[in-house]
Amino acid sequence: MSRVKTGVVRRKRHKKVLDAAKGYRGASGDVFKQANQAVMRAEAFSTRDRKVRKRKMRQLWIIRINAAARLNGLTYSQFMNGLKKSGIELDRKVLSDLAVNNAAEFSKLAETAKNA
């Protein structure tokens, strides 16, 4: 029986990790062991932060809608409740865009929400 040598496989695996760690400071960029740890940590953060990014964007949209609603004499919750009662189903992303870029249309929505 002959032993198994990992030359090609190991080089390929190391190369993949070191390419991912390109630009990292110090040994993290060119020593496999440190690079591997740094890359695993970076991947964990990027997985977590994809969720965080969604959370932050929703917060931003709500802040913008609230600001625009208050300019029209409503709070955020009153505005959203009014839209729901009047059967208008626009998501927060669209409402936020209207609030920032098209104040006149947003005012019409606010009036609809007030009347509902």
N, C-alpha and C. Protein backbone atom coordinates (compact mmCIF):
# COMPACT_ATOMS: atom_id res chain seq x y z
N MET A 1 0.83 -1.19 0.00
CA MET A 1 0.00 0.00 0.00
C MET A 1 0.88 1.25 0.00
N SER A 2 0.49 2.25 -0.79
CA SER A 2 1.28 3.48 -0.85
C SER A 2 0.55 4.60 -0.12
N ARG A 3 1.34 5.55 0.39
CA ARG A 3 0.73 6.63 1.14
C ARG A 3 0.13 7.69 0.20
N VAL A 4 -0.80 8.42 0.73
CA VAL A 4 -1.45 9.47 -0.06
C VAL A 4 -0.73 10.79 0.20
N LYS A 5 -0.33 11.45 -0.87
CA LYS A 5 0.32 12.76 -0.73
C LYS A 5 -0.66 13.86 -1.14
N THR A 6 -0.65 14.98 -0.39
CA THR A 6 -1.70 15.98 -0.62
C THR A 6 -1.21 17.18 -1.42
N GLY A 7 -0.06 17.07 -2.05
CA GLY A 7 0.57 18.21 -2.72
C GLY A 7 -0.37 19.13 -3.47
N VAL A 8 -1.03 18.61 -4.48
CA VAL A 8 -1.86 19.43 -5.36
C VAL A 8 -3.09 19.95 -4.60
N VAL A 9 -3.72 19.06 -3.85
CA VAL A 9 -4.94 19.41 -3.13
C VAL A 9 -4.66 20.49 -2.10
N ARG A 10 -3.58 20.29 -1.31
CA ARG A 10 -3.24 21.25 -0.26
C ARG A 10 -2.89 22.60 -0.88
N ARG A 11 -2.11 22.59 -1.95
CA ARG A 11 -1.72 23.86 -2.59
C ARG A 11 -2.95 24.62 -3.08
N LYS A 12 -3.89 23.86 -3.65
CA LYS A 12 -5.11 24.48 -4.17
C LYS A 12 -5.93 25.12 -3.04
N ARG A 13 -6.05 24.39 -1.92
CA ARG A 13 -6.81 24.88 -0.77
C ARG A 13 -6.14 26.11 -0.17
N HIS A 14 -4.82 26.04 0.00
CA HIS A 14 -4.07 27.18 0.56
C HIS A 14 -4.19 28.39 -0.35
N LYS A 15 -4.07 28.14 -1.64
CA LYS A 15 -4.13 29.25 -2.61
C LYS A 15 -5.48 29.96 -2.54
N LYS A 16 -6.55 29.16 -2.41
CA LYS A 16 -7.90 29.72 -2.33
C LYS A 16 -8.03 30.63 -1.10
N VAL A 17 -7.52 30.16 0.03
CA VAL A 17 -7.61 30.94 1.27
C VAL A 17 -6.75 32.20 1.17
N LEU A 18 -5.52 32.04 0.67
CA LEU A 18 -4.61 33.19 0.59
C LEU A 18 -5.11 34.24 -0.41
N ASP A 19 -5.77 33.79 -1.47
CA ASP A 19 -6.37 34.75 -2.41
C ASP A 19 -7.50 35.54 -1.73
N ALA A 20 -8.26 34.84 -0.89
CA ALA A 20 -9.35 35.52 -0.16
C ALA A 20 -8.81 36.51 0.85
N ALA A 21 -7.58 36.24 1.36
CA ALA A 21 -6.98 37.09 2.39
C ALA A 21 -6.09 38.18 1.79
N LYS A 22 -6.17 38.36 0.51
CA LYS A 22 -5.32 39.35 -0.16
C LYS A 22 -5.62 40.74 0.40
N GLY A 23 -4.59 41.47 0.78
CA GLY A 23 -4.77 42.81 1.30
C GLY A 23 -4.90 42.89 2.81
N TYR A 24 -4.97 41.74 3.48
CA TYR A 24 -5.04 41.76 4.94
C TYR A 24 -3.69 42.20 5.51
N ARG A 25 -3.70 42.82 6.68
CA ARG A 25 -2.47 43.34 7.29
C ARG A 25 -1.61 42.23 7.88
N GLY A 26 -0.32 42.41 7.80
CA GLY A 26 0.63 41.52 8.47
C GLY A 26 0.55 40.08 8.00
N ALA A 27 0.75 39.16 8.95
CA ALA A 27 0.81 37.74 8.62
C ALA A 27 -0.54 37.23 8.12
N SER A 28 -1.61 37.91 8.48
CA SER A 28 -2.95 37.47 8.07
C SER A 28 -3.08 37.42 6.55
N GLY A 29 -2.22 38.14 5.86
CA GLY A 29 -2.31 38.17 4.41
C GLY A 29 -1.45 37.13 3.71
N ASP A 30 -0.42 36.57 4.41
CA ASP A 30 0.47 35.68 3.67
C ASP A 30 0.91 34.41 4.41
N VAL A 31 0.42 34.19 5.63
CA VAL A 31 0.71 32.94 6.33
C VAL A 31 -0.61 32.16 6.40
N PHE A 32 -0.59 30.92 5.92
CA PHE A 32 -1.85 30.20 5.75
C PHE A 32 -2.67 30.12 7.03
N LYS A 33 -2.03 29.76 8.14
CA LYS A 33 -2.78 29.53 9.38
C LYS A 33 -3.52 30.81 9.81
N GLN A 34 -2.79 31.92 9.85
CA GLN A 34 -3.43 33.18 10.23
C GLN A 34 -4.44 33.63 9.19
N ALA A 35 -4.09 33.43 7.91
CA ALA A 35 -5.00 33.82 6.83
C ALA A 35 -6.30 33.05 6.93
N ASN A 36 -6.20 31.77 7.24
CA ASN A 36 -7.38 30.91 7.33
C ASN A 36 -8.29 31.40 8.45
N GLN A 37 -7.71 31.74 9.59
CA GLN A 37 -8.50 32.24 10.71
C GLN A 37 -9.16 33.57 10.35
N ALA A 38 -8.38 34.44 9.71
CA ALA A 38 -8.90 35.77 9.35
C ALA A 38 -10.03 35.65 8.34
N VAL A 39 -9.88 34.74 7.38
CA VAL A 39 -10.90 34.56 6.34
C VAL A 39 -12.18 33.97 6.95
N MET A 40 -12.03 33.00 7.85
CA MET A 40 -13.22 32.42 8.50
C MET A 40 -13.96 33.49 9.30
N ARG A 41 -13.19 34.32 10.00
CA ARG A 41 -13.79 35.40 10.81
C ARG A 41 -14.51 36.39 9.90
N ALA A 42 -13.85 36.75 8.78
CA ALA A 42 -14.45 37.70 7.84
C ALA A 42 -15.74 37.14 7.24
N GLU A 43 -15.74 35.85 6.92
CA GLU A 43 -16.94 35.24 6.35
C GLU A 43 -18.08 35.22 7.37
N ALA A 44 -17.73 34.98 8.64
CA ALA A 44 -18.76 34.99 9.69
C ALA A 44 -19.37 36.39 9.82
N PHE A 45 -18.51 37.41 9.80
CA PHE A 45 -19.00 38.78 9.89
C PHE A 45 -19.87 39.14 8.68
N SER A 46 -19.45 38.71 7.50
CA SER A 46 -20.21 39.10 6.31
C SER A 46 -21.57 38.41 6.29
N THR A 47 -21.64 37.19 6.82
CA THR A 47 -22.92 36.49 6.93
C THR A 47 -23.84 37.25 7.89
N ARG A 48 -23.29 37.59 9.07
CA ARG A 48 -24.07 38.33 10.06
C ARG A 48 -24.53 39.68 9.51
N ASP A 49 -23.63 40.36 8.84
CA ASP A 49 -23.91 41.74 8.44
C ASP A 49 -24.83 41.85 7.24
N ARG A 50 -25.05 40.76 6.53
CA ARG A 50 -26.09 40.80 5.49
C ARG A 50 -27.45 40.97 6.14
N LYS A 51 -27.66 40.32 7.28
CA LYS A 51 -28.90 40.50 8.04
C LYS A 51 -28.98 41.91 8.61
N VAL A 52 -27.85 42.38 9.15
CA VAL A 52 -27.81 43.71 9.79
C VAL A 52 -28.12 44.79 8.76
N ARG A 53 -27.60 44.62 7.53
CA ARG A 53 -27.84 45.62 6.48
C ARG A 53 -29.34 45.76 6.20
N LYS A 54 -30.05 44.64 6.13
CA LYS A 54 -31.50 44.67 5.90
C LYS A 54 -32.20 45.41 7.04
N ARG A 55 -31.75 45.11 8.27
CA ARG A 55 -32.32 45.73 9.45
C ARG A 55 -32.13 47.25 9.41
N LYS A 56 -30.91 47.66 9.08
CA LYS A 56 -30.56 49.09 9.05
C LYS A 56 -31.35 49.84 7.97
N MET A 57 -31.53 49.20 6.82
CA MET A 57 -32.26 49.85 5.73
C MET A 57 -33.72 50.06 6.14
N ARG A 58 -34.31 49.05 6.77
CA ARG A 58 -35.69 49.19 7.23
C ARG A 58 -35.81 50.32 8.24
N GLN A 59 -34.84 50.42 9.17
CA GLN A 59 -34.83 51.52 10.14
C GLN A 59 -34.81 52.87 9.44
N LEU A 60 -33.94 52.98 8.43
CA LEU A 60 -33.80 54.23 7.69
C LEU A 60 -35.11 54.61 7.00
N TRP A 61 -35.75 53.61 6.37
CA TRP A 61 -37.03 53.88 5.69
C TRP A 61 -38.06 54.38 6.68
N ILE A 62 -38.14 53.75 7.84
CA ILE A 62 -39.13 54.13 8.85
C ILE A 62 -38.86 55.55 9.34
N ILE A 63 -37.59 55.89 9.55
CA ILE A 63 -37.23 57.25 9.99
C ILE A 63 -37.68 58.27 8.96
N ARG A 64 -37.43 57.99 7.70
CA ARG A 64 -37.81 58.92 6.62
C ARG A 64 -39.32 59.07 6.51
N ILE A 65 -40.05 57.95 6.61
CA ILE A 65 -41.51 58.00 6.53
C ILE A 65 -42.06 58.80 7.70
N ASN A 66 -41.51 58.57 8.89
CA ASN A 66 -41.96 59.27 10.09
C ASN A 66 -41.75 60.78 9.94
N ALA A 67 -40.58 61.16 9.45
CA ALA A 67 -40.29 62.60 9.28
C ALA A 67 -41.28 63.24 8.32
N ALA A 68 -41.53 62.57 7.20
CA ALA A 68 -42.45 63.11 6.20
C ALA A 68 -43.89 63.13 6.73
N ALA A 69 -44.26 62.08 7.47
CA ALA A 69 -45.61 62.02 8.03
C ALA A 69 -45.83 63.16 9.02
N ARG A 70 -44.84 63.45 9.84
CA ARG A 70 -44.96 64.53 10.83
C ARG A 70 -45.08 65.90 10.16
N LEU A 71 -44.46 66.05 8.98
CA LEU A 71 -44.62 67.30 8.23
C LEU A 71 -46.07 67.46 7.77
N ASN A 72 -46.76 66.32 7.65
CA ASN A 72 -48.17 66.34 7.25
C ASN A 72 -49.12 66.16 8.43
N GLY A 73 -48.61 66.35 9.64
CA GLY A 73 -49.47 66.33 10.82
C GLY A 73 -49.88 64.95 11.32
N LEU A 74 -49.10 63.94 11.01
CA LEU A 74 -49.39 62.58 11.48
C LEU A 74 -48.13 61.99 12.11
N THR A 75 -48.31 61.01 12.98
CA THR A 75 -47.15 60.24 13.43
C THR A 75 -46.99 59.06 12.48
N TYR A 76 -45.87 58.37 12.61
CA TYR A 76 -45.61 57.21 11.75
C TYR A 76 -46.70 56.16 11.91
N SER A 77 -47.04 55.85 13.18
CA SER A 77 -48.01 54.78 13.42
C SER A 77 -49.40 55.16 12.92
N GLN A 78 -49.78 56.43 13.09
CA GLN A 78 -51.08 56.89 12.58
C GLN A 78 -51.10 56.80 11.05
N PHE A 79 -50.00 57.20 10.43
CA PHE A 79 -49.90 57.17 8.97
C PHE A 79 -50.02 55.74 8.44
N MET A 80 -49.25 54.83 9.04
CA MET A 80 -49.27 53.43 8.57
C MET A 80 -50.63 52.79 8.82
N ASN A 81 -51.23 53.11 9.97
CA ASN A 81 -52.56 52.57 10.29
C ASN A 81 -53.60 53.08 9.30
N GLY A 82 -53.51 54.38 8.97
CA GLY A 82 -54.44 54.97 8.01
C GLY A 82 -54.31 54.33 6.64
N LEU A 83 -53.07 54.10 6.20
CA LEU A 83 -52.86 53.44 4.90
C LEU A 83 -53.44 52.04 4.89
N LYS A 84 -53.22 51.33 5.99
CA LYS A 84 -53.73 49.96 6.09
C LYS A 84 -55.25 49.94 6.01
N LYS A 85 -55.90 50.86 6.75
CA LYS A 85 -57.36 50.93 6.76
C LYS A 85 -57.93 51.30 5.40
N SER A 86 -57.20 52.17 4.67
CA SER A 86 -57.70 52.58 3.35
C SER A 86 -57.30 51.61 2.24
N GLY A 87 -56.65 50.53 2.61
CA GLY A 87 -56.35 49.47 1.64
C GLY A 87 -55.17 49.75 0.73
N ILE A 88 -54.31 50.69 1.12
CA ILE A 88 -53.12 50.99 0.31
C ILE A 88 -51.98 50.12 0.81
N GLU A 89 -51.47 49.25 -0.07
CA GLU A 89 -50.42 48.32 0.33
C GLU A 89 -49.10 48.66 -0.34
N LEU A 90 -48.47 49.73 0.13
CA LEU A 90 -47.13 50.08 -0.35
C LEU A 90 -46.13 49.71 0.73
N ASP A 91 -45.01 49.13 0.33
CA ASP A 91 -44.02 48.78 1.36
C ASP A 91 -43.22 50.01 1.79
N ARG A 92 -42.49 49.84 2.87
CA ARG A 92 -41.77 50.97 3.46
C ARG A 92 -40.71 51.54 2.54
N LYS A 93 -40.11 50.68 1.72
CA LYS A 93 -39.08 51.15 0.78
C LYS A 93 -39.66 52.15 -0.19
N VAL A 94 -40.81 51.83 -0.76
CA VAL A 94 -41.48 52.70 -1.73
C VAL A 94 -41.96 53.98 -1.05
N LEU A 95 -42.57 53.83 0.13
CA LEU A 95 -43.06 55.01 0.86
C LEU A 95 -41.91 55.96 1.19
N SER A 96 -40.78 55.41 1.59
CA SER A 96 -39.60 56.21 1.92
C SER A 96 -39.11 56.96 0.69
N ASP A 97 -39.09 56.27 -0.44
CA ASP A 97 -38.66 56.91 -1.69
C ASP A 97 -39.60 58.06 -2.06
N LEU A 98 -40.91 57.84 -1.89
CA LEU A 98 -41.88 58.90 -2.15
C LEU A 98 -41.65 60.08 -1.20
N ALA A 99 -41.42 59.79 0.05
CA ALA A 99 -41.22 60.83 1.06
C ALA A 99 -40.04 61.72 0.70
N VAL A 100 -38.97 61.12 0.20
CA VAL A 100 -37.75 61.88 -0.10
C VAL A 100 -37.85 62.59 -1.46
N ASN A 101 -38.34 61.87 -2.47
CA ASN A 101 -38.25 62.38 -3.85
C ASN A 101 -39.54 62.97 -4.41
N ASN A 102 -40.68 62.73 -3.74
CA ASN A 102 -41.94 63.19 -4.30
C ASN A 102 -42.90 63.58 -3.18
N ALA A 103 -42.62 64.70 -2.56
CA ALA A 103 -43.36 65.12 -1.36
C ALA A 103 -44.85 65.34 -1.65
N ALA A 104 -45.18 65.81 -2.87
CA ALA A 104 -46.58 66.09 -3.21
C ALA A 104 -47.41 64.80 -3.18
N GLU A 105 -46.88 63.74 -3.78
CA GLU A 105 -47.58 62.45 -3.78
C GLU A 105 -47.71 61.90 -2.36
N PHE A 106 -46.65 62.09 -1.58
CA PHE A 106 -46.68 61.61 -0.20
C PHE A 106 -47.76 62.34 0.59
N SER A 107 -47.92 63.64 0.33
CA SER A 107 -48.95 64.43 1.01
C SER A 107 -50.34 63.89 0.70
N LYS A 108 -50.55 63.48 -0.56
CA LYS A 108 -51.84 62.89 -0.94
C LYS A 108 -52.09 61.60 -0.15
N LEU A 109 -51.04 60.80 -0.02
CA LEU A 109 -51.17 59.57 0.76
C LEU A 109 -51.47 59.89 2.23
N ALA A 110 -50.82 60.94 2.75
CA ALA A 110 -51.05 61.34 4.14
C ALA A 110 -52.50 61.79 4.34
N GLU A 111 -53.04 62.51 3.37
CA GLU A 111 -54.45 62.93 3.46
C GLU A 111 -55.37 61.72 3.46
N THR A 112 -55.08 60.76 2.58
CA THR A 112 -55.86 59.53 2.53
C THR A 112 -55.81 58.81 3.88
N ALA A 113 -54.60 58.77 4.46
CA ALA A 113 -54.43 58.11 5.76
C ALA A 113 -55.19 58.83 6.86
N LYS A 114 -55.20 60.19 6.79
CA LYS A 114 -55.93 60.99 7.79
C LYS A 114 -57.43 60.69 7.73
N ASN A 115 -57.95 60.64 6.51
CA ASN A 115 -59.39 60.42 6.32
C ASN A 115 -59.83 59.01 6.69
N ALA A 116 -58.91 58.08 6.63
CA ALA A 116 -59.24 56.68 6.97
C ALA A 116 -59.17 56.45 8.46
